[in-house]
Amino acid sequence: MSKKLKKYLPQTTAGLVRYYEEEISNIKLHPVYIIGGAITLMIIIILLHHYLYAPLY
């Protein structure tokens, strides 16, 4: 009789469970290096654009 009265409720987390052990990476970079690399790449692109597409007078 107890099996018939048992009700199953929906899972409240709805698939939002996080598994931190799966997100471990061997590559660890300090955010300063990421920002520095992005700025360096922007400067290189701007200089290349300026010198490659500059009008020749």
C-alpha atoms as a PDB file:
ATOM      1  CA  MET A   1       0.000   0.000   0.000  1.00  0.00           C
ATOM      2  CA  SER A   2       2.853   2.428   0.696  1.00  0.00           C
ATOM      3  CA  LYS A   3       4.163   1.957  -2.870  1.00  0.00           C
ATOM      4  CA  LYS A   4       0.905   3.195  -4.337  1.00  0.00           C
ATOM      5  CA  LEU A   5       0.868   6.355  -2.203  1.00  0.00           C
ATOM      6  CA  LYS A   6       4.461   7.282  -3.016  1.00  0.00           C
ATOM      7  CA  LYS A   7       4.562  10.365  -5.237  1.00  0.00           C
ATOM      8  CA  TYR A   8       7.526  11.516  -7.270  1.00  0.00           C
ATOM      9  CA  LEU A   9       8.167  15.239  -7.435  1.00  0.00           C
ATOM     10  CA  PRO A  10      10.073  16.887 -10.276  1.00  0.00           C
ATOM     11  CA  GLN A  11      13.713  17.625  -9.689  1.00  0.00           C
ATOM     12  CA  THR A  12      14.060  21.195  -8.425  1.00  0.00           C
ATOM     13  CA  THR A  13      17.515  21.876  -9.888  1.00  0.00           C
ATOM     14  CA  ALA A  14      16.280  21.203 -13.446  1.00  0.00           C
ATOM     15  CA  GLY A  15      19.662  20.112 -14.751  1.00  0.00           C
ATOM     16  CA  LEU A  16      21.634  22.968 -13.215  1.00  0.00           C
ATOM     17  CA  VAL A  17      23.930  20.691 -11.249  1.00  0.00           C
ATOM     18  CA  ARG A  18      27.575  21.626 -11.692  1.00  0.00           C
ATOM     19  CA  TYR A  19      30.415  19.171 -11.530  1.00  0.00           C
ATOM     20  CA  TYR A  20      33.524  21.115 -10.600  1.00  0.00           C
ATOM     21  CA  GLU A  21      35.886  18.169 -10.939  1.00  0.00           C
ATOM     22  CA  GLU A  22      35.188  18.084 -14.693  1.00  0.00           C
ATOM     23  CA  GLU A  23      36.203  21.733 -15.188  1.00  0.00           C
ATOM     24  CA  ILE A  24      39.767  21.334 -13.960  1.00  0.00           C
ATOM     25  CA  SER A  25      42.224  22.432 -16.633  1.00  0.00           C
ATOM     26  CA  ASN A  26      45.998  22.173 -16.799  1.00  0.00           C
ATOM     27  CA  ILE A  27      46.306  25.582 -18.474  1.00  0.00           C
ATOM     28  CA  LYS A  28      46.188  28.398 -15.970  1.00  0.00           C
ATOM     29  CA  LEU A  29      46.826  31.956 -17.137  1.00  0.00           C
ATOM     30  CA  HIS A  30      46.737  35.099 -15.109  1.00  0.00           C
ATOM     31  CA  PRO A  31      44.079  37.562 -16.392  1.00  0.00           C
ATOM     32  CA  VAL A  32      46.774  40.211 -16.940  1.00  0.00           C
ATOM     33  CA  TYR A  33      48.327  38.039 -19.667  1.00  0.00           C
ATOM     34  CA  ILE A  34      44.976  37.623 -21.405  1.00  0.00           C
ATOM     35  CA  ILE A  35      44.303  41.378 -21.384  1.00  0.00           C
ATOM     36  CA  GLY A  36      47.881  42.147 -22.473  1.00  0.00           C
ATOM     37  CA  GLY A  37      47.629  39.673 -25.345  1.00  0.00           C
ATOM     38  CA  ALA A  38      44.320  41.152 -26.482  1.00  0.00           C
ATOM     39  CA  ILE A  39      45.698  44.694 -26.440  1.00  0.00           C
ATOM     40  CA  THR A  40      48.839  43.589 -28.303  1.00  0.00           C
ATOM     41  CA  LEU A  41      46.730  41.843 -30.938  1.00  0.00           C
ATOM     42  CA  MET A  42      44.568  44.963 -31.371  1.00  0.00           C
ATOM     43  CA  ILE A  43      47.647  47.153 -31.856  1.00  0.00           C
ATOM     44  CA  ILE A  44      49.084  44.750 -34.441  1.00  0.00           C
ATOM     45  CA  ILE A  45      45.795  44.669 -36.359  1.00  0.00           C
ATOM     46  CA  ILE A  46      45.478  48.476 -36.309  1.00  0.00           C
ATOM     47  CA  LEU A  47      49.060  48.923 -37.538  1.00  0.00           C
ATOM     48  CA  LEU A  48      48.616  46.343 -40.296  1.00  0.00           C
ATOM     49  CA  HIS A  49      45.365  47.945 -41.377  1.00  0.00           C
ATOM     50  CA  HIS A  50      47.000  51.383 -41.401  1.00  0.00           C
ATOM     51  CA  TYR A  51      50.048  50.318 -43.424  1.00  0.00           C
ATOM     52  CA  LEU A  52      48.378  47.860 -45.792  1.00  0.00           C
ATOM     53  CA  TYR A  53      45.356  49.962 -46.718  1.00  0.00           C
ATOM     54  CA  ALA A  54      46.875  53.437 -46.506  1.00  0.00           C
ATOM     55  CA  PRO A  55      46.389  55.463 -49.675  1.00  0.00           C
ATOM     56  CA  LEU A  56      49.560  55.918 -51.698  1.00  0.00           C
ATOM     57  CA  TYR A  57      50.071  59.581 -52.615  1.00  0.00           C
END
